[in-house]
PDB file of N, CA and C in Angstrom:
ATOM      1  N   MET A   1      -7.156  13.335 -18.540  1.00  0.00           N
ATOM      2  CA  MET A   1      -7.258  12.514 -19.611  1.00  0.00           C
ATOM      3  C   MET A   1      -5.916  11.540 -19.845  1.00  0.00           C
ATOM      4  N   ARG A   2      -5.665  10.484 -20.243  1.00  0.00           N
ATOM      5  CA  ARG A   2      -4.732   9.833 -20.799  1.00  0.00           C
ATOM      6  C   ARG A   2      -4.807   9.970 -22.572  1.00  0.00           C
ATOM      7  N   SER A   3      -3.853  10.528 -23.329  1.00  0.00           N
ATOM      8  CA  SER A   3      -3.840  10.165 -24.701  1.00  0.00           C
ATOM      9  C   SER A   3      -3.812   8.979 -25.103  1.00  0.00           C
ATOM     10  N   LEU A   4      -4.161   8.500 -26.181  1.00  0.00           N
ATOM     11  CA  LEU A   4      -4.142   7.466 -26.613  1.00  0.00           C
ATOM     12  C   LEU A   4      -2.780   6.550 -26.948  1.00  0.00           C
ATOM     13  N   THR A   5      -1.587   7.439 -26.797  1.00  0.00           N
ATOM     14  CA  THR A   5      -0.325   6.693 -26.547  1.00  0.00           C
ATOM     15  C   THR A   5      -0.106   6.361 -25.137  1.00  0.00           C
ATOM     16  N   GLU A   6      -0.710   6.921 -24.441  1.00  0.00           N
ATOM     17  CA  GLU A   6      -0.316   6.856 -23.127  1.00  0.00           C
ATOM     18  C   GLU A   6      -1.364   5.551 -22.823  1.00  0.00           C
ATOM     19  N   LEU A   7      -2.610   5.506 -23.222  1.00  0.00           N
ATOM     20  CA  LEU A   7      -3.202   4.379 -22.629  1.00  0.00           C
ATOM     21  C   LEU A   7      -2.574   2.829 -23.364  1.00  0.00           C
ATOM     22  N   GLN A   8      -2.134   3.518 -24.914  1.00  0.00           N
ATOM     23  CA  GLN A   8      -1.792   2.092 -25.489  1.00  0.00           C
ATOM     24  C   GLN A   8      -0.529   1.620 -24.496  1.00  0.00           C
ATOM     25  N   ALA A   9       0.479   2.432 -23.885  1.00  0.00           N
ATOM     26  CA  ALA A   9       1.560   2.093 -23.147  1.00  0.00           C
ATOM     27  C   ALA A   9       1.029   1.815 -22.166  1.00  0.00           C
ATOM     28  N   LYS A  10       0.466   1.996 -21.386  1.00  0.00           N
ATOM     29  CA  LYS A  10      -0.447   1.362 -20.425  1.00  0.00           C
ATOM     30  C   LYS A  10      -0.937  -0.354 -20.459  1.00  0.00           C
ATOM     31  N   LEU A  11      -1.547  -0.323 -21.550  1.00  0.00           N
ATOM     32  CA  LEU A  11      -2.171  -1.502 -21.939  1.00  0.00           C
ATOM     33  C   LEU A  11      -1.225  -2.332 -22.450  1.00  0.00           C
ATOM     34  N   ASP A  12       0.011  -2.339 -22.920  1.00  0.00           N
ATOM     35  CA  ASP A  12       1.215  -3.027 -23.211  1.00  0.00           C
ATOM     36  C   ASP A  12       1.908  -3.014 -21.917  1.00  0.00           C
ATOM     37  N   ARG A  13       2.077  -2.480 -21.116  1.00  0.00           N
ATOM     38  CA  ARG A  13       2.766  -3.088 -19.630  1.00  0.00           C
ATOM     39  C   ARG A  13       1.603  -3.714 -19.012  1.00  0.00           C
ATOM     40  N   THR A  14       0.288  -3.908 -19.003  1.00  0.00           N
ATOM     41  CA  THR A  14      -0.254  -4.407 -18.124  1.00  0.00           C
ATOM     42  C   THR A  14      -0.194  -6.006 -18.905  1.00  0.00           C
ATOM     43  N   GLN A  15      -0.256  -5.851 -20.345  1.00  0.00           N
ATOM     44  CA  GLN A  15       0.004  -7.138 -21.236  1.00  0.00           C
ATOM     45  C   GLN A  15       1.134  -7.933 -20.570  1.00  0.00           C
ATOM     46  N   ALA A  16       2.059  -7.364 -20.643  1.00  0.00           N
ATOM     47  CA  ALA A  16       3.288  -7.630 -19.896  1.00  0.00           C
ATOM     48  C   ALA A  16       3.480  -8.516 -18.736  1.00  0.00           C
ATOM     49  N   ASP A  17       2.769  -7.545 -17.846  1.00  0.00           N
ATOM     50  CA  ASP A  17       2.218  -8.123 -16.459  1.00  0.00           C
ATOM     51  C   ASP A  17       1.522  -9.588 -16.675  1.00  0.00           C
ATOM     52  N   VAL A  18       0.605  -9.482 -17.476  1.00  0.00           N
ATOM     53  CA  VAL A  18      -0.233 -10.809 -17.489  1.00  0.00           C
ATOM     54  C   VAL A  18       0.856 -11.960 -17.922  1.00  0.00           C
ATOM     55  N   ASP A  19       1.279 -11.787 -19.076  1.00  0.00           N
ATOM     56  CA  ASP A  19       2.266 -12.443 -19.565  1.00  0.00           C
ATOM     57  C   ASP A  19       3.327 -13.004 -18.576  1.00  0.00           C
ATOM     58  N   ASN A  20       3.896 -12.320 -17.516  1.00  0.00           N
ATOM     59  CA  ASN A  20       4.826 -12.655 -17.044  1.00  0.00           C
ATOM     60  C   ASN A  20       4.111 -13.728 -15.859  1.00  0.00           C
ATOM     61  N   GLY A  21       2.722 -13.183 -15.547  1.00  0.00           N
ATOM     62  CA  GLY A  21       1.895 -13.895 -14.386  1.00  0.00           C
ATOM     63  C   GLY A  21       1.900 -15.297 -15.026  1.00  0.00           C
ATOM     64  N   VAL A  22       1.677 -15.619 -16.085  1.00  0.00           N
ATOM     65  CA  VAL A  22       1.615 -17.042 -16.396  1.00  0.00           C
ATOM     66  C   VAL A  22       2.737 -17.843 -16.167  1.00  0.00           C
ATOM     67  N   GLY A  23       4.162 -17.332 -16.335  1.00  0.00           N
ATOM     68  CA  GLY A  23       5.480 -18.213 -16.137  1.00  0.00           C
ATOM     69  C   GLY A  23       5.148 -17.999 -14.687  1.00  0.00           C
ATOM     70  N   HIS A  24       4.868 -17.290 -13.786  1.00  0.00           N
ATOM     71  CA  HIS A  24       5.296 -17.656 -12.455  1.00  0.00           C
ATOM     72  C   HIS A  24       4.091 -18.463 -12.172  1.00  0.00           C
ATOM     73  N   LEU A  25       3.021 -18.511 -12.690  1.00  0.00           N
ATOM     74  CA  LEU A  25       2.150 -19.472 -11.953  1.00  0.00           C
ATOM     75  C   LEU A  25       2.515 -20.709 -12.505  1.00  0.00           C
ATOM     76  N   THR A  26       3.312 -20.946 -13.228  1.00  0.00           N
ATOM     77  CA  THR A  26       3.295 -22.165 -14.179  1.00  0.00           C
ATOM     78  C   THR A  26       4.463 -23.014 -13.245  1.00  0.00           C
ATOM     79  N   ARG A  27       5.672 -22.217 -13.031  1.00  0.00           N
ATOM     80  CA  ARG A  27       6.700 -22.610 -12.037  1.00  0.00           C
ATOM     81  C   ARG A  27       6.262 -22.639 -10.895  1.00  0.00           C
ATOM     82  N   HIS A  28       5.214 -21.812 -10.387  1.00  0.00           N
ATOM     83  CA  HIS A  28       4.574 -22.062  -8.763  1.00  0.00           C
ATOM     84  C   HIS A  28       3.972 -22.994  -8.695  1.00  0.00           C
ATOM     85  N   ARG A  29       3.104 -23.384  -9.278  1.00  0.00           N
ATOM     86  CA  ARG A  29       2.426 -24.843  -9.683  1.00  0.00           C
ATOM     87  C   ARG A  29       2.861 -25.815  -9.642  1.00  0.00           C
ATOM     88  N   ALA A  30       4.290 -25.961 -10.068  1.00  0.00           N
ATOM     89  CA  ALA A  30       5.018 -27.124 -10.711  1.00  0.00           C
ATOM     90  C   ALA A  30       5.840 -26.902  -9.206  1.00  0.00           C
ATOM     91  N   LEU A  31       6.413 -26.364  -8.709  1.00  0.00           N
ATOM     92  CA  LEU A  31       6.862 -26.176  -7.220  1.00  0.00           C
ATOM     93  C   LEU A  31       6.124 -26.976  -6.483  1.00  0.00           C
ATOM     94  N   VAL A  32       4.612 -26.343  -6.371  1.00  0.00           N
ATOM     95  CA  VAL A  32       3.608 -26.762  -5.049  1.00  0.00           C
ATOM     96  C   VAL A  32       3.691 -28.771  -5.721  1.00  0.00           C
ATOM     97  N   ALA A  33       3.452 -29.017  -6.753  1.00  0.00           N
ATOM     98  CA  ALA A  33       3.479 -30.357  -7.010  1.00  0.00           C
ATOM     99  C   ALA A  33       4.466 -31.345  -6.575  1.00  0.00           C
ATOM    100  N   HIS A  34       5.586 -30.704  -6.859  1.00  0.00           N
ATOM    101  CA  HIS A  34       6.722 -31.268  -6.370  1.00  0.00           C
ATOM    102  C   HIS A  34       6.833 -31.394  -4.696  1.00  0.00           C
ATOM    103  N   TRP A  35       6.723 -30.422  -4.488  1.00  0.00           N
ATOM    104  CA  TRP A  35       6.870 -30.822  -2.740  1.00  0.00           C
ATOM    105  C   TRP A  35       5.330 -31.771  -2.158  1.00  0.00           C
ATOM    106  N   ILE A  36       4.431 -31.331  -2.867  1.00  0.00           N
ATOM    107  CA  ILE A  36       3.251 -32.569  -2.396  1.00  0.00           C
ATOM    108  C   ILE A  36       3.617 -33.722  -3.089  1.00  0.00           C
ATOM    109  N   ALA A  37       4.619 -34.378  -3.857  1.00  0.00           N
ATOM    110  CA  ALA A  37       4.813 -35.422  -4.227  1.00  0.00           C
ATOM    111  C   ALA A  37       5.955 -36.265  -3.732  1.00  0.00           C
ATOM    112  N   GLU A  38       6.750 -35.044  -3.213  1.00  0.00           N
ATOM    113  CA  GLU A  38       7.626 -35.379  -2.032  1.00  0.00           C
ATOM    114  C   GLU A  38       7.362 -35.381  -0.299  1.00  0.00           C
ATOM    115  N   GLY A  39       6.397 -35.321  -0.199  1.00  0.00           N
ATOM    116  CA  GLY A  39       5.715 -35.588   1.061  1.00  0.00           C
ATOM    117  C   GLY A  39       6.150 -34.231   1.817  1.00  0.00           C
ATOM    118  N   LYS A  40       6.536 -32.877   1.482  1.00  0.00           N
ATOM    119  CA  LYS A  40       6.617 -31.793   2.124  1.00  0.00           C
ATOM    120  C   LYS A  40       5.056 -31.405   2.554  1.00  0.00           C
ATOM    121  N   ASP A  41       5.211 -30.399   3.412  1.00  0.00           N
ATOM    122  CA  ASP A  41       4.469 -29.524   3.921  1.00  0.00           C
ATOM    123  C   ASP A  41       4.156 -28.259   3.170  1.00  0.00           C
ATOM    124  N   ALA A  42       3.218 -28.229   1.905  1.00  0.00           N
ATOM    125  CA  ALA A  42       3.366 -27.084   0.771  1.00  0.00           C
ATOM    126  C   ALA A  42       1.918 -26.400   1.179  1.00  0.00           C
ATOM    127  N   ALA A  43       1.722 -25.962   2.463  1.00  0.00           N
ATOM    128  CA  ALA A  43       0.600 -25.372   2.890  1.00  0.00           C
ATOM    129  C   ALA A  43       1.199 -23.590   2.158  1.00  0.00           C
ATOM    130  N   GLU A  44       2.229 -23.059   2.899  1.00  0.00           N
ATOM    131  CA  GLU A  44       2.774 -22.058   2.555  1.00  0.00           C
ATOM    132  C   GLU A  44       2.746 -21.674   1.177  1.00  0.00           C
ATOM    133  N   LEU A  45       3.419 -22.634   0.190  1.00  0.00           N
ATOM    134  CA  LEU A  45       3.017 -22.769  -0.892  1.00  0.00           C
ATOM    135  C   LEU A  45       1.858 -22.225  -1.719  1.00  0.00           C
ATOM    136  N   ARG A  46       1.185 -23.110  -1.167  1.00  0.00           N
ATOM    137  CA  ARG A  46      -0.687 -23.067  -1.435  1.00  0.00           C
ATOM    138  C   ARG A  46      -0.876 -21.536  -1.132  1.00  0.00           C
ATOM    139  N   GLU A  47      -0.550 -20.892  -0.447  1.00  0.00           N
ATOM    140  CA  GLU A  47      -1.046 -19.564   0.204  1.00  0.00           C
ATOM    141  C   GLU A  47      -0.229 -18.780  -0.777  1.00  0.00           C
ATOM    142  N   LEU A  48       0.677 -18.833  -1.056  1.00  0.00           N
ATOM    143  CA  LEU A  48       1.227 -17.877  -2.006  1.00  0.00           C
ATOM    144  C   LEU A  48       0.849 -17.921  -3.412  1.00  0.00           C
ATOM    145  N   LEU A  49       0.454 -19.134  -3.926  1.00  0.00           N
ATOM    146  CA  LEU A  49       0.215 -19.765  -5.140  1.00  0.00           C
ATOM    147  C   LEU A  49      -1.453 -18.991  -5.012  1.00  0.00           C
ATOM    148  N   GLU A  50      -1.945 -18.836  -4.206  1.00  0.00           N
ATOM    149  CA  GLU A  50      -3.361 -18.361  -4.244  1.00  0.00           C
ATOM    150  C   GLU A  50      -3.319 -16.764  -4.329  1.00  0.00           C
ATOM    151  N   THR A  51      -2.077 -16.217  -3.771  1.00  0.00           N
ATOM    152  CA  THR A  51      -1.965 -14.775  -4.235  1.00  0.00           C
ATOM    153  C   THR A  51      -1.453 -14.346  -5.325  1.00  0.00           C
ATOM    154  N   LEU A  52      -0.640 -15.171  -5.951  1.00  0.00           N
ATOM    155  CA  LEU A  52      -0.323 -15.032  -7.269  1.00  0.00           C
ATOM    156  C   LEU A  52      -1.304 -15.513  -8.234  1.00  0.00           C
ATOM    157  N   GLU A  53      -2.181 -15.988  -7.852  1.00  0.00           N
ATOM    158  CA  GLU A  53      -3.374 -16.396  -9.045  1.00  0.00           C
ATOM    159  C   GLU A  53      -4.660 -15.326  -8.980  1.00  0.00           C
ATOM    160  N   THR A  54      -4.724 -14.560  -7.351  1.00  0.00           N
ATOM    161  CA  THR A  54      -5.467 -13.393  -7.475  1.00  0.00           C
ATOM    162  C   THR A  54      -5.045 -12.101  -8.085  1.00  0.00           C
ATOM    163  N   THR A  55      -3.647 -12.201  -7.823  1.00  0.00           N
ATOM    164  CA  THR A  55      -2.903 -11.281  -8.934  1.00  0.00           C
ATOM    165  C   THR A  55      -3.044 -11.062 -10.173  1.00  0.00           C
ATOM    166  N   GLN A  56      -2.881 -12.058 -10.492  1.00  0.00           N
ATOM    167  CA  GLN A  56      -2.657 -12.399 -12.319  1.00  0.00           C
ATOM    168  C   GLN A  56      -4.573 -12.113 -12.490  1.00  0.00           C
ATOM    169  N   LEU A  57      -5.653 -11.993 -11.547  1.00  0.00           N
ATOM    170  CA  LEU A  57      -7.250 -12.005 -11.873  1.00  0.00           C
ATOM    171  C   LEU A  57      -7.177 -10.292 -12.358  1.00  0.00           C
ATOM    172  N   LEU A  58      -6.047  -9.907 -11.061  1.00  0.00           N
ATOM    173  CA  LEU A  58      -6.115  -8.084 -11.056  1.00  0.00           C
ATOM    174  C   LEU A  58      -5.371  -7.865 -12.237  1.00  0.00           C
ATOM    175  N   HIS A  59      -4.426  -8.632 -12.847  1.00  0.00           N
ATOM    176  CA  HIS A  59      -3.998  -7.875 -14.370  1.00  0.00           C
ATOM    177  C   HIS A  59      -4.940  -8.322 -15.445  1.00  0.00           C
ATOM    178  N   VAL A  60      -5.263  -9.125 -15.291  1.00  0.00           N
ATOM    179  CA  VAL A  60      -6.205  -9.500 -16.307  1.00  0.00           C
ATOM    180  C   VAL A  60      -7.487  -8.681 -16.459  1.00  0.00           C
ATOM    181  N   HIS A  61      -8.190  -8.766 -15.369  1.00  0.00           N
ATOM    182  CA  HIS A  61      -9.235  -7.314 -15.518  1.00  0.00           C
ATOM    183  C   HIS A  61      -8.655  -6.232 -15.882  1.00  0.00           C
ATOM    184  N   ASP A  62      -7.347  -5.871 -15.180  1.00  0.00           N
ATOM    185  CA  ASP A  62      -7.057  -4.233 -15.787  1.00  0.00           C
ATOM    186  C   ASP A  62      -6.633  -4.290 -17.096  1.00  0.00           C
ATOM    187  N   ARG A  63      -6.159  -5.193 -17.753  1.00  0.00           N
ATOM    188  CA  ARG A  63      -5.895  -5.292 -19.288  1.00  0.00           C
ATOM    189  C   ARG A  63      -7.241  -5.245 -19.901  1.00  0.00           C
ATOM    190  N   ASP A  64      -7.969  -6.468 -19.704  1.00  0.00           N
ATOM    191  CA  ASP A  64      -9.327  -5.970 -20.163  1.00  0.00           C
ATOM    192  C   ASP A  64     -10.484  -4.853 -19.959  1.00  0.00           C
ATOM    193  N   ARG A  65     -10.055  -4.306 -19.213  1.00  0.00           N
ATOM    194  CA  ARG A  65     -10.575  -2.603 -18.699  1.00  0.00           C
ATOM    195  C   ARG A  65     -10.136  -1.655 -19.898  1.00  0.00           C
ATOM    196  N   LEU A  66      -8.713  -1.987 -19.639  1.00  0.00           N
ATOM    197  CA  LEU A  66      -7.973  -0.911 -20.855  1.00  0.00           C
ATOM    198  C   LEU A  66      -7.701  -1.008 -22.432  1.00  0.00           C
ATOM    199  N   ARG A  67      -8.170  -2.524 -22.603  1.00  0.00           N
ATOM    200  CA  ARG A  67      -8.656  -2.990 -23.951  1.00  0.00           C
ATOM    201  C   ARG A  67      -9.684  -1.977 -24.318  1.00  0.00           C
ATOM    202  N   ARG A  68     -10.974  -2.235 -23.341  1.00  0.00           N
ATOM    203  CA  ARG A  68     -12.138  -1.307 -24.066  1.00  0.00           C
ATOM    204  C   ARG A  68     -12.522  -0.092 -24.011  1.00  0.00           C
ATOM    205  N   GLU A  69     -11.159   0.572 -22.839  1.00  0.00           N
ATOM    206  CA  GLU A  69     -11.258   2.040 -22.934  1.00  0.00           C
ATOM    207  C   GLU A  69     -10.442   2.329 -24.452  1.00  0.00           C
ATOM    208  N   LEU A  70      -9.347   1.331 -24.707  1.00  0.00           N
ATOM    209  CA  LEU A  70      -9.031   2.119 -25.927  1.00  0.00           C
ATOM    210  C   LEU A  70      -9.519   1.585 -27.124  1.00  0.00           C
ATOM    211  N   ASP A  71     -10.314   0.703 -27.130  1.00  0.00           N
ATOM    212  CA  ASP A  71     -11.502   0.196 -28.305  1.00  0.00           C
ATOM    213  C   ASP A  71     -12.489   1.214 -28.503  1.00  0.00           C
ATOM    214  N   ALA A  72     -12.977   1.809 -27.444  1.00  0.00           N
ATOM    215  CA  ALA A  72     -13.908   3.083 -27.604  1.00  0.00           C
ATOM    216  C   ALA A  72     -13.231   4.164 -27.951  1.00  0.00           C
ATOM    217  N   ALA A  73     -12.061   4.611 -27.338  1.00  0.00           N
ATOM    218  CA  ALA A  73     -11.420   5.427 -27.997  1.00  0.00           C
ATOM    219  C   ALA A  73     -11.226   5.952 -29.298  1.00  0.00           C
ATOM    220  N   LEU A  74     -10.873   4.526 -30.006  1.00  0.00           N
ATOM    221  CA  LEU A  74     -10.304   4.422 -31.579  1.00  0.00           C
ATOM    222  C   LEU A  74     -11.667   4.655 -32.223  1.00  0.00           C
ATOM    223  N   ALA A  75     -12.937   3.971 -31.613  1.00  0.00           N
ATOM    224  CA  ALA A  75     -14.134   3.744 -32.267  1.00  0.00           C
ATOM    225  C   ALA A  75     -14.832   5.497 -32.473  1.00  0.00           C
ATOM    226  N   GLY A  76     -14.017   5.887 -31.753  1.00  0.00           N
ATOM    227  CA  GLY A  76     -14.700   7.426 -31.765  1.00  0.00           C
ATOM    228  C   GLY A  76     -15.790   7.677 -30.565  1.00  0.00           C
ATOM    229  N   ARG A  77     -16.399   6.694 -29.783  1.00  0.00           N
ATOM    230  CA  ARG A  77     -17.320   6.786 -28.993  1.00  0.00           C
ATOM    231  C   ARG A  77     -17.354   7.416 -27.685  1.00  0.00           C
ATOM    232  N   ASP A  78     -15.711   7.775 -27.599  1.00  0.00           N
ATOM    233  CA  ASP A  78     -15.452   8.391 -26.159  1.00  0.00           C
ATOM    234  C   ASP A  78     -14.705   9.796 -26.748  1.00  0.00           C
ATOM    235  N   HIS A  79     -15.396  10.933 -26.714  1.00  0.00           N
ATOM    236  CA  HIS A  79     -15.352  12.293 -26.932  1.00  0.00           C
ATOM    237  C   HIS A  79     -14.274  12.905 -26.076  1.00  0.00           C
ATOM    238  N   ARG A  80     -13.906  12.081 -24.956  1.00  0.00           N
ATOM    239  CA  ARG A  80     -12.774  12.864 -24.100  1.00  0.00           C
ATOM    240  C   ARG A  80     -11.371  12.452 -24.736  1.00  0.00           C
ATOM    241  N   TRP A  81     -11.282  11.822 -25.647  1.00  0.00           N
ATOM    242  CA  TRP A  81      -9.725  11.506 -26.195  1.00  0.00           C
ATOM    243  C   TRP A  81      -9.539  12.891 -27.348  1.00  0.00           C
ATOM    244  N   ILE A  82      -8.329  13.443 -27.233  1.00  0.00           N
ATOM    245  CA  ILE A  82      -7.934  14.439 -28.105  1.00  0.00           C
ATOM    246  C   ILE A  82      -7.032  13.572 -28.902  1.00  0.00           C
ATOM    247  N   GLY A  83      -6.112  12.650 -28.662  1.00  0.00           N
ATOM    248  CA  GLY A  83      -5.130  12.143 -29.682  1.00  0.00           C
ATOM    249  C   GLY A  83      -3.639  11.980 -28.492  1.00  0.00           C
TER     250      GLY A  83
END
């Protein structure tokens, strides 16, 4: 079992991954749009963008799961938590 401190630290790291992902996606979307506007082949960039979007969704799902787990522990609904 993870302690509340460990769980909060994991949640913080995962939230940082989500936050960083937003920046990566924003920059990559702009790059794809620029390449398309320049008439360049952006197929590989689009594939990478799809991978980044999938990774971002995984981070968001992980973050949301950790939040629910922490909320349950703090509410005392999960008696596995010792502190």
